[in-house]
Amino acid sequence: MKKCTVILRKDGTIEWLHPPPFPLAVRQVSRQRFSEILPVNPVKRAAFRVLRRLFGETGRVAAWTRSWAVLWRAEILIGPRRGATRTSGIRAVLLDWEENQWAQQVQTK
């Protein structure tokens, strides 16, 4: 049997290191956000959302919004842990929490 190696990138693209052993029909892939981290303050949260809609989730403006010194709130949006939240003044703490929540959800499948 031929071996197939696939890399799934964070941006949703797929890279084949070895060709697949069978023909694959490529169709449109949809992305769904597992969680989100937003400022707790309603005014800053609104500004954050407006800036993200205008400038996207990558680039200098997105990086700047991630650096804000505010109280952040993370929420799980899908799966059995949907609705779980955590708040912190340090965004990196919430990123670690999100990753842990994702790992726990994947392990339970």
PDB file of N, CA and C in Angstrom:
ATOM      1  N   MET A   1       0.838  -1.174   0.000  1.00  0.00           N
ATOM      2  CA  MET A   1       0.000   0.000   0.000  1.00  0.00           C
ATOM      3  C   MET A   1       0.883   1.237   0.000  1.00  0.00           C
ATOM      4  N   LYS A   2       0.524   2.212  -0.839  1.00  0.00           N
ATOM      5  CA  LYS A   2       1.268   3.463  -0.905  1.00  0.00           C
ATOM      6  C   LYS A   2       1.013   4.303   0.337  1.00  0.00           C
ATOM      7  N   LYS A   3       2.042   5.019   0.743  1.00  0.00           N
ATOM      8  CA  LYS A   3       1.924   5.897   1.892  1.00  0.00           C
ATOM      9  C   LYS A   3       1.583   7.294   1.414  1.00  0.00           C
ATOM     10  N   CYS A   4       0.674   7.965   2.107  1.00  0.00           N
ATOM     11  CA  CYS A   4       0.240   9.311   1.743  1.00  0.00           C
ATOM     12  C   CYS A   4       0.522  10.237   2.922  1.00  0.00           C
ATOM     13  N   THR A   5       1.190  11.330   2.683  1.00  0.00           N
ATOM     14  CA  THR A   5       1.478  12.291   3.742  1.00  0.00           C
ATOM     15  C   THR A   5       0.815  13.608   3.403  1.00  0.00           C
ATOM     16  N   VAL A   6       0.042  14.121   4.362  1.00  0.00           N
ATOM     17  CA  VAL A   6      -0.714  15.357   4.171  1.00  0.00           C
ATOM     18  C   VAL A   6      -0.390  16.307   5.304  1.00  0.00           C
ATOM     19  N   ILE A   7      -0.195  17.574   4.963  1.00  0.00           N
ATOM     20  CA  ILE A   7      -0.005  18.617   5.971  1.00  0.00           C
ATOM     21  C   ILE A   7      -1.190  19.564   5.882  1.00  0.00           C
ATOM     22  N   LEU A   8      -1.907  19.729   6.993  1.00  0.00           N
ATOM     23  CA  LEU A   8      -3.006  20.697   7.074  1.00  0.00           C
ATOM     24  C   LEU A   8      -2.470  21.948   7.739  1.00  0.00           C
ATOM     25  N   ARG A   9      -2.449  23.026   7.019  1.00  0.00           N
ATOM     26  CA  ARG A   9      -1.914  24.291   7.543  1.00  0.00           C
ATOM     27  C   ARG A   9      -2.992  25.060   8.287  1.00  0.00           C
ATOM     28  N   LYS A  10      -2.559  25.966   9.180  1.00  0.00           N
ATOM     29  CA  LYS A  10      -3.498  26.761   9.972  1.00  0.00           C
ATOM     30  C   LYS A  10      -4.417  27.618   9.116  1.00  0.00           C
ATOM     31  N   ASP A  11      -3.951  28.016   7.926  1.00  0.00           N
ATOM     32  CA  ASP A  11      -4.779  28.850   7.056  1.00  0.00           C
ATOM     33  C   ASP A  11      -5.802  28.036   6.266  1.00  0.00           C
ATOM     34  N   GLY A  12      -5.832  26.714   6.495  1.00  0.00           N
ATOM     35  CA  GLY A  12      -6.809  25.865   5.835  1.00  0.00           C
ATOM     36  C   GLY A  12      -6.322  25.202   4.560  1.00  0.00           C
ATOM     37  N   THR A  13      -5.110  25.509   4.135  1.00  0.00           N
ATOM     38  CA  THR A  13      -4.591  24.893   2.920  1.00  0.00           C
ATOM     39  C   THR A  13      -4.026  23.507   3.219  1.00  0.00           C
ATOM     40  N   ILE A  14      -3.958  22.679   2.185  1.00  0.00           N
ATOM     41  CA  ILE A  14      -3.467  21.314   2.314  1.00  0.00           C
ATOM     42  C   ILE A  14      -2.256  21.145   1.418  1.00  0.00           C
ATOM     43  N   GLU A  15      -1.233  20.510   1.942  1.00  0.00           N
ATOM     44  CA  GLU A  15      -0.036  20.215   1.150  1.00  0.00           C
ATOM     45  C   GLU A  15       0.172  18.704   1.144  1.00  0.00           C
ATOM     46  N   TRP A  16       0.313  18.136  -0.047  1.00  0.00           N
ATOM     47  CA  TRP A  16       0.561  16.704  -0.201  1.00  0.00           C
ATOM     48  C   TRP A  16       2.055  16.485  -0.363  1.00  0.00           C
ATOM     49  N   LEU A  17       2.664  15.703   0.521  1.00  0.00           N
ATOM     50  CA  LEU A  17       4.077  15.368   0.372  1.00  0.00           C
ATOM     51  C   LEU A  17       4.238  14.135  -0.504  1.00  0.00           C
ATOM     52  N   HIS A  18       3.231  13.283  -0.514  1.00  0.00           N
ATOM     53  CA  HIS A  18       3.178  12.125  -1.401  1.00  0.00           C
ATOM     54  C   HIS A  18       1.782  12.138  -2.011  1.00  0.00           C
ATOM     55  N   PRO A  19       1.625  11.741  -3.238  1.00  0.00           N
ATOM     56  CA  PRO A  19       0.296  11.773  -3.847  1.00  0.00           C
ATOM     57  C   PRO A  19      -0.664  10.825  -3.131  1.00  0.00           C
ATOM     58  N   PRO A  20      -1.933  11.188  -3.094  1.00  0.00           N
ATOM     59  CA  PRO A  20      -2.910  10.299  -2.451  1.00  0.00           C
ATOM     60  C   PRO A  20      -3.054   9.001  -3.239  1.00  0.00           C
ATOM     61  N   PRO A  21      -3.340   7.894  -2.551  1.00  0.00           N
ATOM     62  CA  PRO A  21      -3.431   6.601  -3.224  1.00  0.00           C
ATOM     63  C   PRO A  21      -4.730   6.416  -4.008  1.00  0.00           C
ATOM     64  N   PHE A  22      -5.583   7.410  -3.983  1.00  0.00           N
ATOM     65  CA  PHE A  22      -6.868   7.351  -4.683  1.00  0.00           C
ATOM     66  C   PHE A  22      -7.226   8.758  -5.129  1.00  0.00           C
ATOM     67  N   PRO A  23      -8.033   8.890  -6.173  1.00  0.00           N
ATOM     68  CA  PRO A  23      -8.413  10.231  -6.632  1.00  0.00           C
ATOM     69  C   PRO A  23      -9.301  10.929  -5.600  1.00  0.00           C
ATOM     70  N   LEU A  24      -9.033  12.201  -5.390  1.00  0.00           N
ATOM     71  CA  LEU A  24      -9.815  12.986  -4.434  1.00  0.00           C
ATOM     72  C   LEU A  24     -10.576  14.077  -5.169  1.00  0.00           C
ATOM     73  N   ALA A  25     -11.836  14.194  -4.864  1.00  0.00           N
ATOM     74  CA  ALA A  25     -12.625  15.298  -5.405  1.00  0.00           C
ATOM     75  C   ALA A  25     -12.414  16.492  -4.489  1.00  0.00           C
ATOM     76  N   VAL A  26     -11.958  17.579  -5.042  1.00  0.00           N
ATOM     77  CA  VAL A  26     -11.724  18.776  -4.247  1.00  0.00           C
ATOM     78  C   VAL A  26     -12.979  19.625  -4.288  1.00  0.00           C
ATOM     79  N   ARG A  27     -13.463  19.967  -3.132  1.00  0.00           N
ATOM     80  CA  ARG A  27     -14.630  20.833  -3.063  1.00  0.00           C
ATOM     81  C   ARG A  27     -14.367  21.927  -2.051  1.00  0.00           C
ATOM     82  N   GLN A  28     -15.246  22.871  -2.020  1.00  0.00           N
ATOM     83  CA  GLN A  28     -15.049  24.016  -1.136  1.00  0.00           C
ATOM     84  C   GLN A  28     -15.093  23.564   0.317  1.00  0.00           C
ATOM     85  N   VAL A  29     -14.141  24.036   1.082  1.00  0.00           N
ATOM     86  CA  VAL A  29     -14.053  23.700   2.492  1.00  0.00           C
ATOM     87  C   VAL A  29     -14.531  24.895   3.302  1.00  0.00           C
ATOM     88  N   SER A  30     -15.333  24.622   4.292  1.00  0.00           N
ATOM     89  CA  SER A  30     -15.774  25.721   5.149  1.00  0.00           C
ATOM     90  C   SER A  30     -14.985  25.679   6.459  1.00  0.00           C
ATOM     91  N   ARG A  31     -14.787  26.832   7.017  1.00  0.00           N
ATOM     92  CA  ARG A  31     -14.081  26.948   8.287  1.00  0.00           C
ATOM     93  C   ARG A  31     -15.056  27.412   9.340  1.00  0.00           C
ATOM     94  N   GLN A  32     -14.916  26.877  10.523  1.00  0.00           N
ATOM     95  CA  GLN A  32     -15.741  27.313  11.644  1.00  0.00           C
ATOM     96  C   GLN A  32     -14.811  27.593  12.809  1.00  0.00           C
ATOM     97  N   ARG A  33     -15.012  28.711  13.428  1.00  0.00           N
ATOM     98  CA  ARG A  33     -14.177  29.107  14.545  1.00  0.00           C
ATOM     99  C   ARG A  33     -14.519  28.262  15.772  1.00  0.00           C
ATOM    100  N   PHE A  34     -13.500  27.699  16.425  1.00  0.00           N
ATOM    101  CA  PHE A  34     -13.682  26.899  17.632  1.00  0.00           C
ATOM    102  C   PHE A  34     -13.944  27.801  18.839  1.00  0.00           C
ATOM    103  N   SER A  35     -13.267  28.920  18.862  1.00  0.00           N
ATOM    104  CA  SER A  35     -13.378  29.826  20.010  1.00  0.00           C
ATOM    105  C   SER A  35     -13.027  31.236  19.566  1.00  0.00           C
ATOM    106  N   GLU A  36     -13.250  32.177  20.468  1.00  0.00           N
ATOM    107  CA  GLU A  36     -12.831  33.551  20.185  1.00  0.00           C
ATOM    108  C   GLU A  36     -12.380  34.212  21.471  1.00  0.00           C
ATOM    109  N   ILE A  37     -11.476  35.161  21.303  1.00  0.00           N
ATOM    110  CA  ILE A  37     -10.985  35.961  22.427  1.00  0.00           C
ATOM    111  C   ILE A  37     -11.280  37.409  22.094  1.00  0.00           C
ATOM    112  N   LEU A  38     -12.043  38.053  22.972  1.00  0.00           N
ATOM    113  CA  LEU A  38     -12.460  39.434  22.753  1.00  0.00           C
ATOM    114  C   LEU A  38     -12.250  40.253  24.017  1.00  0.00           C
ATOM    115  N   PRO A  39     -12.085  41.570  23.876  1.00  0.00           N
ATOM    116  CA  PRO A  39     -12.021  42.422  25.067  1.00  0.00           C
ATOM    117  C   PRO A  39     -13.342  42.351  25.854  1.00  0.00           C
ATOM    118  N   VAL A  40     -13.254  42.414  27.162  1.00  0.00           N
ATOM    119  CA  VAL A  40     -14.442  42.391  28.022  1.00  0.00           C
ATOM    120  C   VAL A  40     -15.198  43.711  27.917  1.00  0.00           C
ATOM    121  N   ASN A  41     -14.474  44.822  27.890  1.00  0.00           N
ATOM    122  CA  ASN A  41     -15.095  46.150  27.804  1.00  0.00           C
ATOM    123  C   ASN A  41     -15.902  46.264  26.514  1.00  0.00           C
ATOM    124  N   PRO A  42     -17.214  46.610  26.595  1.00  0.00           N
ATOM    125  CA  PRO A  42     -18.060  46.635  25.399  1.00  0.00           C
ATOM    126  C   PRO A  42     -17.597  47.613  24.313  1.00  0.00           C
ATOM    127  N   VAL A  43     -17.067  48.763  24.700  1.00  0.00           N
ATOM    128  CA  VAL A  43     -16.612  49.740  23.708  1.00  0.00           C
ATOM    129  C   VAL A  43     -15.368  49.210  22.987  1.00  0.00           C
ATOM    130  N   LYS A  44     -14.435  48.675  23.743  1.00  0.00           N
ATOM    131  CA  LYS A  44     -13.224  48.123  23.124  1.00  0.00           C
ATOM    132  C   LYS A  44     -13.548  46.880  22.303  1.00  0.00           C
ATOM    133  N   ARG A  45     -14.510  46.071  22.768  1.00  0.00           N
ATOM    134  CA  ARG A  45     -14.929  44.893  22.006  1.00  0.00           C
ATOM    135  C   ARG A  45     -15.530  45.306  20.663  1.00  0.00           C
ATOM    136  N   ALA A  46     -16.347  46.361  20.662  1.00  0.00           N
ATOM    137  CA  ALA A  46     -16.941  46.856  19.408  1.00  0.00           C
ATOM    138  C   ALA A  46     -15.853  47.378  18.473  1.00  0.00           C
ATOM    139  N   ALA A  47     -14.897  48.129  19.016  1.00  0.00           N
ATOM    140  CA  ALA A  47     -13.790  48.643  18.194  1.00  0.00           C
ATOM    141  C   ALA A  47     -12.971  47.482  17.624  1.00  0.00           C
ATOM    142  N   PHE A  48     -12.721  46.480  18.448  1.00  0.00           N
ATOM    143  CA  PHE A  48     -11.973  45.296  18.020  1.00  0.00           C
ATOM    144  C   PHE A  48     -12.671  44.626  16.836  1.00  0.00           C
ATOM    145  N   ARG A  49     -13.979  44.421  16.955  1.00  0.00           N
ATOM    146  CA  ARG A  49     -14.738  43.762  15.876  1.00  0.00           C
ATOM    147  C   ARG A  49     -14.749  44.597  14.595  1.00  0.00           C
ATOM    148  N   VAL A  50     -14.927  45.899  14.723  1.00  0.00           N
ATOM    149  CA  VAL A  50     -14.935  46.773  13.543  1.00  0.00           C
ATOM    150  C   VAL A  50     -13.584  46.719  12.838  1.00  0.00           C
ATOM    151  N   LEU A  51     -12.516  46.837  13.606  1.00  0.00           N
ATOM    152  CA  LEU A  51     -11.174  46.799  13.007  1.00  0.00           C
ATOM    153  C   LEU A  51     -10.898  45.457  12.327  1.00  0.00           C
ATOM    154  N   ARG A  52     -11.341  44.354  12.942  1.00  0.00           N
ATOM    155  CA  ARG A  52     -11.133  43.042  12.351  1.00  0.00           C
ATOM    156  C   ARG A  52     -11.929  42.881  11.059  1.00  0.00           C
ATOM    157  N   ARG A  53     -13.142  43.427  11.019  1.00  0.00           N
ATOM    158  CA  ARG A  53     -13.936  43.348   9.781  1.00  0.00           C
ATOM    159  C   ARG A  53     -13.305  44.176   8.668  1.00  0.00           C
ATOM    160  N   LEU A  54     -12.775  45.330   9.026  1.00  0.00           N
ATOM    161  CA  LEU A  54     -12.170  46.208   8.034  1.00  0.00           C
ATOM    162  C   LEU A  54     -10.824  45.699   7.533  1.00  0.00           C
ATOM    163  N   PHE A  55      -9.989  45.181   8.449  1.00  0.00           N
ATOM    164  CA  PHE A  55      -8.607  44.859   8.108  1.00  0.00           C
ATOM    165  C   PHE A  55      -8.273  43.366   8.134  1.00  0.00           C
ATOM    166  N   GLY A  56      -9.197  42.529   8.587  1.00  0.00           N
ATOM    167  CA  GLY A  56      -8.953  41.089   8.611  1.00  0.00           C
ATOM    168  C   GLY A  56      -8.233  40.630   9.866  1.00  0.00           C
ATOM    169  N   GLU A  57      -7.940  39.335   9.895  1.00  0.00           N
ATOM    170  CA  GLU A  57      -7.341  38.725  11.078  1.00  0.00           C
ATOM    171  C   GLU A  57      -5.826  38.560  10.983  1.00  0.00           C
ATOM    172  N   THR A  58      -5.253  39.060   9.915  1.00  0.00           N
ATOM    173  CA  THR A  58      -3.797  39.032   9.786  1.00  0.00           C
ATOM    174  C   THR A  58      -3.322  40.442   9.460  1.00  0.00           C
ATOM    175  N   GLY A  59      -2.052  40.669   9.619  1.00  0.00           N
ATOM    176  CA  GLY A  59      -1.493  41.977   9.290  1.00  0.00           C
ATOM    177  C   GLY A  59      -1.236  42.829  10.516  1.00  0.00           C
ATOM    178  N   ARG A  60      -0.816  44.064  10.253  1.00  0.00           N
ATOM    179  CA  ARG A  60      -0.385  44.963  11.327  1.00  0.00           C
ATOM    180  C   ARG A  60      -1.517  45.383  12.248  1.00  0.00           C
ATOM    181  N   VAL A  61      -2.689  45.663  11.686  1.00  0.00           N
ATOM    182  CA  VAL A  61      -3.810  46.088  12.533  1.00  0.00           C
ATOM    183  C   VAL A  61      -4.251  44.950  13.448  1.00  0.00           C
ATOM    184  N   ALA A  62      -4.327  43.734  12.908  1.00  0.00           N
ATOM    185  CA  ALA A  62      -4.702  42.576  13.730  1.00  0.00           C
ATOM    186  C   ALA A  62      -3.675  42.353  14.843  1.00  0.00           C
ATOM    187  N   ALA A  63      -2.410  42.466  14.516  1.00  0.00           N
ATOM    188  CA  ALA A  63      -1.357  42.311  15.528  1.00  0.00           C
ATOM    189  C   ALA A  63      -1.486  43.384  16.600  1.00  0.00           C
ATOM    190  N   TRP A  64      -1.787  44.605  16.177  1.00  0.00           N
ATOM    191  CA  TRP A  64      -1.959  45.702  17.135  1.00  0.00           C
ATOM    192  C   TRP A  64      -3.132  45.424  18.077  1.00  0.00           C
ATOM    193  N   THR A  65      -4.266  44.948  17.532  1.00  0.00           N
ATOM    194  CA  THR A  65      -5.422  44.676  18.396  1.00  0.00           C
ATOM    195  C   THR A  65      -5.113  43.561  19.397  1.00  0.00           C
ATOM    196  N   ARG A  66      -4.279  42.615  19.022  1.00  0.00           N
ATOM    197  CA  ARG A  66      -3.902  41.546  19.952  1.00  0.00           C
ATOM    198  C   ARG A  66      -3.014  42.048  21.083  1.00  0.00           C
ATOM    199  N   SER A  67      -2.376  43.187  20.889  1.00  0.00           N
ATOM    200  CA  SER A  67      -1.442  43.707  21.895  1.00  0.00           C
ATOM    201  C   SER A  67      -2.100  44.644  22.902  1.00  0.00           C
ATOM    202  N   TRP A  68      -3.392  44.892  22.764  1.00  0.00           N
ATOM    203  CA  TRP A  68      -4.069  45.812  23.678  1.00  0.00           C
ATOM    204  C   TRP A  68      -3.950  45.320  25.119  1.00  0.00           C
ATOM    205  N   ALA A  69      -3.692  46.265  26.021  1.00  0.00           N
ATOM    206  CA  ALA A  69      -3.629  45.958  27.457  1.00  0.00           C
ATOM    207  C   ALA A  69      -5.030  46.101  28.041  1.00  0.00           C
ATOM    208  N   VAL A  70      -5.840  45.061  27.865  1.00  0.00           N
ATOM    209  CA  VAL A  70      -7.225  45.065  28.334  1.00  0.00           C
ATOM    210  C   VAL A  70      -7.510  43.733  29.025  1.00  0.00           C
ATOM    211  N   LEU A  71      -8.663  43.649  29.638  1.00  0.00           N
ATOM    212  CA  LEU A  71      -9.128  42.377  30.168  1.00  0.00           C
ATOM    213  C   LEU A  71      -9.773  41.616  29.019  1.00  0.00           C
ATOM    214  N   TRP A  72      -9.327  40.376  28.775  1.00  0.00           N
ATOM    215  CA  TRP A  72      -9.791  39.570  27.660  1.00  0.00           C
ATOM    216  C   TRP A  72     -10.690  38.457  28.166  1.00  0.00           C
ATOM    217  N   ARG A  73     -11.623  38.028  27.305  1.00  0.00           N
ATOM    218  CA  ARG A  73     -12.509  36.908  27.624  1.00  0.00           C
ATOM    219  C   ARG A  73     -12.488  35.934  26.455  1.00  0.00           C
ATOM    220  N   ALA A  74     -12.190  34.667  26.754  1.00  0.00           N
ATOM    221  CA  ALA A  74     -12.214  33.609  25.742  1.00  0.00           C
ATOM    222  C   ALA A  74     -13.484  32.799  25.930  1.00  0.00           C
ATOM    223  N   GLU A  75     -14.084  32.397  24.812  1.00  0.00           N
ATOM    224  CA  GLU A  75     -15.283  31.560  24.863  1.00  0.00           C
ATOM    225  C   GLU A  75     -15.189  30.465  23.814  1.00  0.00           C
ATOM    226  N   ILE A  76     -15.530  29.246  24.208  1.00  0.00           N
ATOM    227  CA  ILE A  76     -15.582  28.118  23.290  1.00  0.00           C
ATOM    228  C   ILE A  76     -16.918  28.199  22.560  1.00  0.00           C
ATOM    229  N   LEU A  77     -16.900  28.118  21.231  1.00  0.00           N
ATOM    230  CA  LEU A  77     -18.099  28.351  20.425  1.00  0.00           C
ATOM    231  C   LEU A  77     -18.776  27.084  19.908  1.00  0.00           C
ATOM    232  N   ILE A  78     -18.052  25.953  19.864  1.00  0.00           N
ATOM    233  CA  ILE A  78     -18.642  24.722  19.314  1.00  0.00           C
ATOM    234  C   ILE A  78     -18.249  23.520  20.167  1.00  0.00           C
ATOM    235  N   GLY A  79     -18.956  22.443  19.960  1.00  0.00           N
ATOM    236  CA  GLY A  79     -18.619  21.190  20.622  1.00  0.00           C
ATOM    237  C   GLY A  79     -19.206  21.070  22.010  1.00  0.00           C
ATOM    238  N   PRO A  80     -18.855  19.989  22.708  1.00  0.00           N
ATOM    239  CA  PRO A  80     -19.423  19.731  24.034  1.00  0.00           C
ATOM    240  C   PRO A  80     -19.016  20.764  25.075  1.00  0.00           C
ATOM    241  N   ARG A  81     -17.945  21.483  24.846  1.00  0.00           N
ATOM    242  CA  ARG A  81     -17.513  22.518  25.799  1.00  0.00           C
ATOM    243  C   ARG A  81     -18.050  23.907  25.421  1.00  0.00           C
ATOM    244  N   ARG A  82     -18.972  23.938  24.476  1.00  0.00           N
ATOM    245  CA  ARG A  82     -19.561  25.206  24.022  1.00  0.00           C
ATOM    246  C   ARG A  82     -20.069  26.009  25.217  1.00  0.00           C
ATOM    247  N   GLY A  83     -19.714  27.300  25.233  1.00  0.00           N
ATOM    248  CA  GLY A  83     -20.137  28.180  26.312  1.00  0.00           C
ATOM    249  C   GLY A  83     -19.130  28.317  27.432  1.00  0.00           C
ATOM    250  N   ALA A  84     -18.112  27.450  27.472  1.00  0.00           N
ATOM    251  CA  ALA A  84     -17.071  27.570  28.496  1.00  0.00           C
ATOM    252  C   ALA A  84     -16.319  28.875  28.278  1.00  0.00           C
ATOM    253  N   THR A  85     -16.031  29.582  29.349  1.00  0.00           N
ATOM    254  CA  THR A  85     -15.339  30.867  29.237  1.00  0.00           C
ATOM    255  C   THR A  85     -14.213  30.968  30.264  1.00  0.00           C
ATOM    256  N   ARG A  86     -13.312  31.875  29.967  1.00  0.00           N
ATOM    257  CA  ARG A  86     -12.242  32.211  30.901  1.00  0.00           C
ATOM    258  C   ARG A  86     -11.847  33.654  30.629  1.00  0.00           C
ATOM    259  N   THR A  87     -11.485  34.360  31.673  1.00  0.00           N
ATOM    260  CA  THR A  87     -11.110  35.773  31.567  1.00  0.00           C
ATOM    261  C   THR A  87      -9.698  35.966  32.112  1.00  0.00           C
ATOM    262  N   SER A  88      -8.924  36.831  31.435  1.00  0.00           N
ATOM    263  CA  SER A  88      -7.567  37.127  31.888  1.00  0.00           C
ATOM    264  C   SER A  88      -7.098  38.451  31.289  1.00  0.00           C
ATOM    265  N   GLY A  89      -6.205  39.100  31.967  1.00  0.00           N
ATOM    266  CA  GLY A  89      -5.573  40.305  31.442  1.00  0.00           C
ATOM    267  C   GLY A  89      -4.408  39.973  30.520  1.00  0.00           C
ATOM    268  N   ILE A  90      -4.063  38.690  30.444  1.00  0.00           N
ATOM    269  CA  ILE A  90      -2.948  38.251  29.608  1.00  0.00           C
ATOM    270  C   ILE A  90      -3.510  37.342  28.517  1.00  0.00           C
ATOM    271  N   ARG A  91      -3.476  37.829  27.295  1.00  0.00           N
ATOM    272  CA  ARG A  91      -4.074  37.101  26.170  1.00  0.00           C
ATOM    273  C   ARG A  91      -3.424  35.738  25.955  1.00  0.00           C
ATOM    274  N   ALA A  92      -2.129  35.630  26.185  1.00  0.00           N
ATOM    275  CA  ALA A  92      -1.418  34.363  25.996  1.00  0.00           C
ATOM    276  C   ALA A  92      -1.953  33.274  26.927  1.00  0.00           C
ATOM    277  N   VAL A  93      -2.384  33.642  28.120  1.00  0.00           N
ATOM    278  CA  VAL A  93      -2.978  32.677  29.052  1.00  0.00           C
ATOM    279  C   VAL A  93      -4.239  32.085  28.433  1.00  0.00           C
ATOM    280  N   LEU A  94      -5.033  32.920  27.790  1.00  0.00           N
ATOM    281  CA  LEU A  94      -6.269  32.457  27.164  1.00  0.00           C
ATOM    282  C   LEU A  94      -5.991  31.598  25.941  1.00  0.00           C
ATOM    283  N   LEU A  95      -4.949  31.913  25.197  1.00  0.00           N
ATOM    284  CA  LEU A  95      -4.565  31.079  24.053  1.00  0.00           C
ATOM    285  C   LEU A  95      -4.185  29.676  24.518  1.00  0.00           C
ATOM    286  N   ASP A  96      -3.438  29.592  25.618  1.00  0.00           N
ATOM    287  CA  ASP A  96      -3.084  28.284  26.172  1.00  0.00           C
ATOM    288  C   ASP A  96      -4.330  27.532  26.637  1.00  0.00           C
ATOM    289  N   TRP A  97      -5.252  28.250  27.273  1.00  0.00           N
ATOM    290  CA  TRP A  97      -6.499  27.640  27.739  1.00  0.00           C
ATOM    291  C   TRP A  97      -7.304  27.096  26.557  1.00  0.00           C
ATOM    292  N   GLU A  98      -7.408  27.898  25.487  1.00  0.00           N
ATOM    293  CA  GLU A  98      -8.124  27.459  24.282  1.00  0.00           C
ATOM    294  C   GLU A  98      -7.505  26.183  23.707  1.00  0.00           C
ATOM    295  N   GLU A  99      -6.196  26.180  23.611  1.00  0.00           N
ATOM    296  CA  GLU A  99      -5.509  25.011  23.051  1.00  0.00           C
ATOM    297  C   GLU A  99      -5.785  23.775  23.901  1.00  0.00           C
ATOM    298  N   ASN A 100      -5.781  23.941  25.220  1.00  0.00           N
ATOM    299  CA  ASN A 100      -6.073  22.837  26.127  1.00  0.00           C
ATOM    300  C   ASN A 100      -7.506  22.347  25.941  1.00  0.00           C
ATOM    301  N   GLN A 101      -8.449  23.267  25.784  1.00  0.00           N
ATOM    302  CA  GLN A 101      -9.852  22.900  25.552  1.00  0.00           C
ATOM    303  C   GLN A 101      -9.997  22.128  24.249  1.00  0.00           C
ATOM    304  N   TRP A 102      -9.289  22.569  23.223  1.00  0.00           N
ATOM    305  CA  TRP A 102      -9.337  21.892  21.921  1.00  0.00           C
ATOM    306  C   TRP A 102      -8.772  20.476  22.047  1.00  0.00           C
ATOM    307  N   ALA A 103      -7.632  20.355  22.723  1.00  0.00           N
ATOM    308  CA  ALA A 103      -7.003  19.041  22.883  1.00  0.00           C
ATOM    309  C   ALA A 103      -7.923  18.094  23.637  1.00  0.00           C
ATOM    310  N   GLN A 104      -8.586  18.576  24.667  1.00  0.00           N
ATOM    311  CA  GLN A 104      -9.513  17.733  25.438  1.00  0.00           C
ATOM    312  C   GLN A 104     -10.693  17.298  24.573  1.00  0.00           C
ATOM    313  N   GLN A 105     -11.169  18.207  23.730  1.00  0.00           N
ATOM    314  CA  GLN A 105     -12.313  17.873  22.869  1.00  0.00           C
ATOM    315  C   GLN A 105     -11.905  16.829  21.837  1.00  0.00           C
ATOM    316  N   VAL A 106     -10.725  16.955  21.276  1.00  0.00           N
ATOM    317  CA  VAL A 106     -10.258  16.001  20.264  1.00  0.00           C
ATOM    318  C   VAL A 106     -10.061  14.626  20.895  1.00  0.00           C
ATOM    319  N   GLN A 107      -9.558  14.579  22.131  1.00  0.00           N
ATOM    320  CA  GLN A 107      -9.318  13.304  22.811  1.00  0.00           C
ATOM    321  C   GLN A 107     -10.616  12.558  23.118  1.00  0.00           C
ATOM    322  N   THR A 108     -11.707  13.293  23.303  1.00  0.00           N
ATOM    323  CA  THR A 108     -12.971  12.648  23.651  1.00  0.00           C
ATOM    324  C   THR A 108     -13.694  12.101  22.439  1.00  0.00           C
ATOM    325  N   LYS A 109     -13.226  12.418  21.231  1.00  0.00           N
ATOM    326  CA  LYS A 109     -13.885  11.921  20.010  1.00  0.00           C
ATOM    327  C   LYS A 109     -13.492  10.502  19.715  1.00  0.00           C
TER     328      LYS A 109
END
